[in-house]
């Protein structure tokens, strides 16, 4: 923060954290040869710096799956937009993959950082 006169001006460096900087993967990195979600190696396309298969591109996850795969706390996951479904007296929350990916990029800096931190 820079003080000018009596007011403070926030800079881009106020929230700078080196841990959230996107890491540059090497071309031969094995993480880039599989789908980041299901680990298949067929029909992959580029997706926010990693690879994704067509099945996982439009996938919806339950709260438990999203917490396990993306490392979100219960507070973080409940703050994300989701749909609530009822089935046989049970209630469950579904989260869209694109919403989860944006939240993961905000939390880790990139999807590659998230995946690399778990290996």
Foldseek 3Di string as FASTA:
>chain_A
DDDDDNDDDDDPCPPDDPQLADDDDDPPDPQQQAALQPRHRPCWDDDQNHTHHPVLQFDKDWPVSLCVSLVDDPVLSVVFDWDWDDDPNDIITIDTPVSSQVSSCVVRVTSVSRSVVVD
